[in-house]
Amino acid sequence: MEFKDYYKVLGVAKTATEAEIKKAFRKLARKYHPDVSKEADAATRMSELNEANAVLSDPEKRAAYDELGSQPHARDGGNFRPPPNWDAGREFTGTFGGGNEEFSDFFEQMF
């Protein structure tokens, strides 16, 4: 998933107030609304505007977005830290028939 700079989508600074975000959204919504705009990508642009506005106009979502956006590796999972005592394979052993015994016989025959 590609990271979207919602501030860039709305054309506002990262320090923009709620009023500035609202004003920018309304201006761009009038320009790119599919019922008004003649541009081919109007529906896509409107969707991006709605998404950006939904995040930046909500203080909690905006704070989370700002925190994630400031960490370049967080967007691609590069900063992932598992919880303490987490075993990535343990969840699958019960679901798929236990340990690796069934596979070990198969692979031993192949090699």
N, C-alpha and C. Protein backbone atom coordinates (compact mmCIF):
# COMPACT_ATOMS: atom_id res chain seq x y z
N MET A 1 0.84 -1.17 0.00
CA MET A 1 0.00 0.00 0.00
C MET A 1 0.89 1.24 0.00
N GLU A 2 0.61 2.13 -0.88
CA GLU A 2 1.41 3.34 -1.01
C GLU A 2 0.98 4.38 0.02
N PHE A 3 1.95 5.02 0.63
CA PHE A 3 1.68 6.06 1.61
C PHE A 3 1.17 7.30 0.90
N LYS A 4 0.08 7.88 1.40
CA LYS A 4 -0.46 9.11 0.82
C LYS A 4 -0.21 10.25 1.79
N ASP A 5 0.30 11.33 1.28
CA ASP A 5 0.49 12.53 2.09
C ASP A 5 -0.82 13.32 2.05
N TYR A 6 -1.62 13.14 3.09
CA TYR A 6 -2.93 13.79 3.13
C TYR A 6 -2.83 15.31 3.15
N TYR A 7 -1.78 15.83 3.73
CA TYR A 7 -1.59 17.28 3.73
C TYR A 7 -1.38 17.78 2.30
N LYS A 8 -0.62 17.02 1.53
CA LYS A 8 -0.38 17.38 0.14
C LYS A 8 -1.66 17.26 -0.68
N VAL A 9 -2.45 16.21 -0.41
CA VAL A 9 -3.71 16.01 -1.12
C VAL A 9 -4.62 17.23 -0.95
N LEU A 10 -4.68 17.75 0.28
CA LEU A 10 -5.53 18.91 0.56
C LEU A 10 -4.83 20.24 0.31
N GLY A 11 -3.52 20.20 0.08
CA GLY A 11 -2.79 21.43 -0.19
C GLY A 11 -2.63 22.32 1.03
N VAL A 12 -2.46 21.71 2.20
CA VAL A 12 -2.28 22.48 3.44
C VAL A 12 -0.97 22.08 4.10
N ALA A 13 -0.52 22.94 5.00
CA ALA A 13 0.70 22.65 5.77
C ALA A 13 0.38 21.67 6.89
N LYS A 14 1.41 21.00 7.39
CA LYS A 14 1.21 20.06 8.50
C LYS A 14 0.78 20.78 9.77
N THR A 15 0.97 22.06 9.81
CA THR A 15 0.56 22.85 10.98
C THR A 15 -0.82 23.47 10.79
N ALA A 16 -1.53 23.08 9.74
CA ALA A 16 -2.84 23.66 9.44
C ALA A 16 -3.83 23.43 10.58
N THR A 17 -4.67 24.43 10.79
CA THR A 17 -5.72 24.33 11.81
C THR A 17 -6.89 23.55 11.24
N GLU A 18 -7.82 23.18 12.11
CA GLU A 18 -9.03 22.49 11.65
C GLU A 18 -9.79 23.34 10.65
N ALA A 19 -9.85 24.65 10.89
CA ALA A 19 -10.55 25.56 9.99
C ALA A 19 -9.88 25.60 8.62
N GLU A 20 -8.56 25.61 8.59
CA GLU A 20 -7.83 25.64 7.32
C GLU A 20 -8.03 24.34 6.54
N ILE A 21 -8.07 23.23 7.25
CA ILE A 21 -8.30 21.94 6.60
C ILE A 21 -9.71 21.89 6.01
N LYS A 22 -10.67 22.35 6.78
CA LYS A 22 -12.07 22.37 6.33
C LYS A 22 -12.22 23.26 5.09
N LYS A 23 -11.60 24.43 5.13
CA LYS A 23 -11.68 25.36 4.00
C LYS A 23 -11.05 24.77 2.75
N ALA A 24 -9.88 24.16 2.90
CA ALA A 24 -9.19 23.56 1.76
C ALA A 24 -10.01 22.41 1.18
N PHE A 25 -10.58 21.57 2.05
CA PHE A 25 -11.39 20.46 1.58
C PHE A 25 -12.59 20.96 0.78
N ARG A 26 -13.30 21.95 1.32
CA ARG A 26 -14.48 22.46 0.62
C ARG A 26 -14.13 23.04 -0.74
N LYS A 27 -13.03 23.77 -0.80
CA LYS A 27 -12.61 24.37 -2.07
C LYS A 27 -12.31 23.29 -3.10
N LEU A 28 -11.54 22.29 -2.70
CA LEU A 28 -11.18 21.21 -3.63
C LEU A 28 -12.37 20.31 -3.95
N ALA A 29 -13.27 20.12 -3.00
CA ALA A 29 -14.46 19.30 -3.24
C ALA A 29 -15.35 19.94 -4.30
N ARG A 30 -15.47 21.27 -4.26
CA ARG A 30 -16.25 21.96 -5.30
C ARG A 30 -15.60 21.80 -6.67
N LYS A 31 -14.27 21.78 -6.67
CA LYS A 31 -13.55 21.68 -7.94
C LYS A 31 -13.60 20.27 -8.52
N TYR A 32 -13.48 19.24 -7.66
CA TYR A 32 -13.34 17.87 -8.15
C TYR A 32 -14.57 16.99 -7.96
N HIS A 33 -15.66 17.54 -7.51
CA HIS A 33 -16.86 16.70 -7.34
C HIS A 33 -17.25 16.15 -8.71
N PRO A 34 -17.48 14.84 -8.80
CA PRO A 34 -17.78 14.21 -10.10
C PRO A 34 -19.00 14.79 -10.82
N ASP A 35 -19.94 15.35 -10.08
CA ASP A 35 -21.12 15.94 -10.72
C ASP A 35 -20.82 17.31 -11.34
N VAL A 36 -19.71 17.91 -10.95
CA VAL A 36 -19.36 19.25 -11.41
C VAL A 36 -18.15 19.24 -12.34
N SER A 37 -17.16 18.48 -12.00
CA SER A 37 -15.89 18.49 -12.72
C SER A 37 -15.98 17.75 -14.05
N LYS A 38 -15.29 18.29 -15.02
CA LYS A 38 -15.22 17.66 -16.34
C LYS A 38 -13.95 16.80 -16.47
N GLU A 39 -13.10 16.83 -15.44
CA GLU A 39 -11.85 16.08 -15.50
C GLU A 39 -12.10 14.58 -15.39
N ALA A 40 -11.31 13.80 -16.12
CA ALA A 40 -11.50 12.35 -16.17
C ALA A 40 -11.25 11.68 -14.83
N ASP A 41 -10.33 12.23 -14.05
CA ASP A 41 -9.99 11.61 -12.77
C ASP A 41 -10.72 12.25 -11.58
N ALA A 42 -11.81 12.93 -11.83
CA ALA A 42 -12.53 13.64 -10.77
C ALA A 42 -13.00 12.71 -9.66
N ALA A 43 -13.53 11.55 -10.00
CA ALA A 43 -14.02 10.62 -8.98
C ALA A 43 -12.88 10.11 -8.11
N THR A 44 -11.75 9.82 -8.73
CA THR A 44 -10.58 9.36 -7.97
C THR A 44 -10.07 10.46 -7.06
N ARG A 45 -9.97 11.67 -7.59
CA ARG A 45 -9.50 12.81 -6.77
C ARG A 45 -10.46 13.07 -5.61
N MET A 46 -11.76 12.97 -5.87
CA MET A 46 -12.74 13.21 -4.81
C MET A 46 -12.61 12.16 -3.73
N SER A 47 -12.36 10.93 -4.12
CA SER A 47 -12.16 9.85 -3.16
C SER A 47 -10.94 10.13 -2.28
N GLU A 48 -9.85 10.58 -2.90
CA GLU A 48 -8.64 10.93 -2.15
C GLU A 48 -8.90 12.09 -1.20
N LEU A 49 -9.65 13.08 -1.67
CA LEU A 49 -9.98 14.23 -0.82
C LEU A 49 -10.80 13.80 0.39
N ASN A 50 -11.80 12.95 0.15
CA ASN A 50 -12.63 12.47 1.26
C ASN A 50 -11.80 11.69 2.28
N GLU A 51 -10.90 10.86 1.79
CA GLU A 51 -10.04 10.07 2.67
C GLU A 51 -9.13 10.98 3.50
N ALA A 52 -8.51 11.95 2.84
CA ALA A 52 -7.63 12.88 3.54
C ALA A 52 -8.40 13.70 4.57
N ASN A 53 -9.56 14.18 4.19
CA ASN A 53 -10.37 14.98 5.11
C ASN A 53 -10.84 14.16 6.31
N ALA A 54 -11.22 12.92 6.07
CA ALA A 54 -11.68 12.06 7.17
C ALA A 54 -10.59 11.86 8.22
N VAL A 55 -9.35 11.76 7.78
CA VAL A 55 -8.24 11.56 8.71
C VAL A 55 -7.83 12.87 9.37
N LEU A 56 -7.62 13.90 8.58
CA LEU A 56 -7.08 15.14 9.13
C LEU A 56 -8.09 15.96 9.92
N SER A 57 -9.37 15.74 9.70
CA SER A 57 -10.37 16.51 10.46
C SER A 57 -10.71 15.85 11.79
N ASP A 58 -10.24 14.63 12.01
CA ASP A 58 -10.46 13.93 13.29
C ASP A 58 -9.16 14.01 14.09
N PRO A 59 -9.19 14.68 15.26
CA PRO A 59 -7.95 14.87 16.03
C PRO A 59 -7.22 13.58 16.37
N GLU A 60 -7.93 12.52 16.72
CA GLU A 60 -7.28 11.25 17.07
C GLU A 60 -6.64 10.61 15.85
N LYS A 61 -7.38 10.57 14.74
CA LYS A 61 -6.84 9.97 13.51
C LYS A 61 -5.66 10.79 12.99
N ARG A 62 -5.77 12.10 13.11
CA ARG A 62 -4.69 12.97 12.64
C ARG A 62 -3.42 12.74 13.46
N ALA A 63 -3.56 12.62 14.77
CA ALA A 63 -2.39 12.38 15.62
C ALA A 63 -1.73 11.05 15.26
N ALA A 64 -2.54 10.02 15.04
CA ALA A 64 -1.99 8.71 14.66
C ALA A 64 -1.32 8.79 13.29
N TYR A 65 -1.95 9.49 12.36
CA TYR A 65 -1.38 9.66 11.02
C TYR A 65 -0.06 10.41 11.09
N ASP A 66 -0.03 11.49 11.87
CA ASP A 66 1.20 12.27 12.00
C ASP A 66 2.32 11.44 12.60
N GLU A 67 2.00 10.61 13.56
CA GLU A 67 3.02 9.76 14.18
C GLU A 67 3.55 8.74 13.18
N LEU A 68 2.66 8.10 12.44
CA LEU A 68 3.07 7.11 11.44
C LEU A 68 3.83 7.77 10.30
N GLY A 69 3.33 8.92 9.86
CA GLY A 69 3.94 9.61 8.74
C GLY A 69 5.34 10.08 9.01
N SER A 70 5.68 10.28 10.27
CA SER A 70 7.02 10.75 10.60
C SER A 70 8.02 9.61 10.69
N GLN A 71 7.54 8.39 10.56
CA GLN A 71 8.41 7.21 10.64
C GLN A 71 8.41 6.51 9.29
N PRO A 72 9.38 6.79 8.44
CA PRO A 72 9.35 6.22 7.10
C PRO A 72 9.30 4.70 7.07
N HIS A 73 9.97 4.02 8.00
CA HIS A 73 9.97 2.56 7.98
C HIS A 73 8.67 1.98 8.51
N ALA A 74 7.91 2.74 9.25
CA ALA A 74 6.65 2.24 9.81
C ALA A 74 5.64 1.97 8.70
N ARG A 75 5.76 2.69 7.61
CA ARG A 75 4.80 2.52 6.52
C ARG A 75 4.98 1.20 5.80
N ASP A 76 6.21 0.68 5.77
CA ASP A 76 6.45 -0.57 5.06
C ASP A 76 6.68 -1.75 5.99
N GLY A 77 6.43 -1.56 7.26
CA GLY A 77 6.57 -2.64 8.22
C GLY A 77 8.00 -2.83 8.70
N GLY A 78 8.93 -1.99 8.26
CA GLY A 78 10.32 -2.13 8.63
C GLY A 78 10.61 -1.88 10.10
N ASN A 79 9.70 -1.24 10.78
CA ASN A 79 9.90 -0.92 12.19
C ASN A 79 9.07 -1.84 13.08
N PHE A 80 8.58 -2.93 12.54
CA PHE A 80 7.69 -3.82 13.30
C PHE A 80 8.44 -4.47 14.46
N ARG A 81 7.84 -4.39 15.63
CA ARG A 81 8.38 -5.07 16.81
C ARG A 81 7.28 -5.95 17.38
N PRO A 82 7.48 -7.25 17.42
CA PRO A 82 6.44 -8.14 17.96
C PRO A 82 6.31 -7.96 19.46
N PRO A 83 5.14 -8.27 20.00
CA PRO A 83 4.95 -8.19 21.45
C PRO A 83 5.85 -9.19 22.17
N PRO A 84 6.10 -8.96 23.47
CA PRO A 84 6.94 -9.89 24.23
C PRO A 84 6.38 -11.32 24.18
N ASN A 85 7.26 -12.29 24.12
CA ASN A 85 6.91 -13.72 24.11
C ASN A 85 6.05 -14.11 22.91
N TRP A 86 6.20 -13.42 21.82
CA TRP A 86 5.40 -13.72 20.64
C TRP A 86 6.16 -14.70 19.75
N ASP A 87 5.48 -15.78 19.39
CA ASP A 87 6.07 -16.78 18.49
C ASP A 87 5.24 -16.76 17.22
N ALA A 88 5.82 -16.27 16.15
CA ALA A 88 5.08 -16.09 14.90
C ALA A 88 4.50 -17.37 14.35
N GLY A 89 5.11 -18.50 14.58
CA GLY A 89 4.60 -19.75 14.03
C GLY A 89 3.62 -20.47 14.91
N ARG A 90 3.55 -20.12 16.16
CA ARG A 90 2.71 -20.85 17.10
C ARG A 90 1.22 -20.80 16.73
N GLU A 91 0.76 -19.69 16.19
CA GLU A 91 -0.66 -19.59 15.84
C GLU A 91 -1.07 -20.60 14.79
N PHE A 92 -0.14 -20.99 13.94
CA PHE A 92 -0.48 -21.85 12.82
C PHE A 92 -0.35 -23.34 13.13
N THR A 93 0.38 -23.68 14.16
CA THR A 93 0.60 -25.10 14.41
C THR A 93 -0.68 -25.81 14.80
N GLY A 94 -1.52 -25.20 15.60
CA GLY A 94 -2.78 -25.83 15.99
C GLY A 94 -3.77 -25.85 14.85
N THR A 95 -3.76 -24.82 14.05
CA THR A 95 -4.71 -24.70 12.96
C THR A 95 -4.43 -25.68 11.84
N PHE A 96 -3.17 -25.94 11.57
CA PHE A 96 -2.81 -26.76 10.44
C PHE A 96 -2.24 -28.11 10.83
N GLY A 97 -2.71 -28.65 11.92
CA GLY A 97 -2.38 -30.02 12.25
C GLY A 97 -1.15 -30.24 13.09
N GLY A 98 -0.76 -29.28 13.87
CA GLY A 98 0.36 -29.52 14.78
C GLY A 98 1.67 -29.05 14.23
N GLY A 99 2.72 -29.74 14.62
CA GLY A 99 4.07 -29.33 14.27
C GLY A 99 4.44 -29.70 12.86
N ASN A 100 5.71 -29.87 12.63
CA ASN A 100 6.23 -30.11 11.29
C ASN A 100 6.47 -31.58 11.00
N GLU A 101 5.97 -32.49 11.84
CA GLU A 101 6.26 -33.91 11.64
C GLU A 101 5.80 -34.41 10.28
N GLU A 102 4.61 -33.97 9.86
CA GLU A 102 4.07 -34.44 8.59
C GLU A 102 4.94 -34.00 7.42
N PHE A 103 5.48 -32.81 7.51
CA PHE A 103 6.29 -32.29 6.42
C PHE A 103 7.70 -32.88 6.43
N SER A 104 8.22 -33.19 7.61
CA SER A 104 9.60 -33.68 7.67
C SER A 104 9.73 -35.00 6.92
N ASP A 105 8.75 -35.91 7.03
CA ASP A 105 8.81 -37.17 6.29
C ASP A 105 8.81 -36.90 4.79
N PHE A 106 7.98 -35.99 4.36
CA PHE A 106 7.88 -35.66 2.94
C PHE A 106 9.22 -35.13 2.42
N PHE A 107 9.80 -34.19 3.14
CA PHE A 107 11.06 -33.60 2.69
C PHE A 107 12.23 -34.57 2.80
N GLU A 108 12.21 -35.45 3.78
CA GLU A 108 13.27 -36.45 3.90
C GLU A 108 13.27 -37.37 2.69
N GLN A 109 12.08 -37.69 2.17
CA GLN A 109 12.00 -38.56 1.00
C GLN A 109 12.51 -37.84 -0.25
N MET A 110 12.30 -36.55 -0.32
CA MET A 110 12.74 -35.80 -1.50
C MET A 110 14.24 -35.64 -1.54
N PHE A 111 14.87 -35.50 -0.40
CA PHE A 111 16.31 -35.19 -0.38
C PHE A 111 17.03 -36.40 0.06
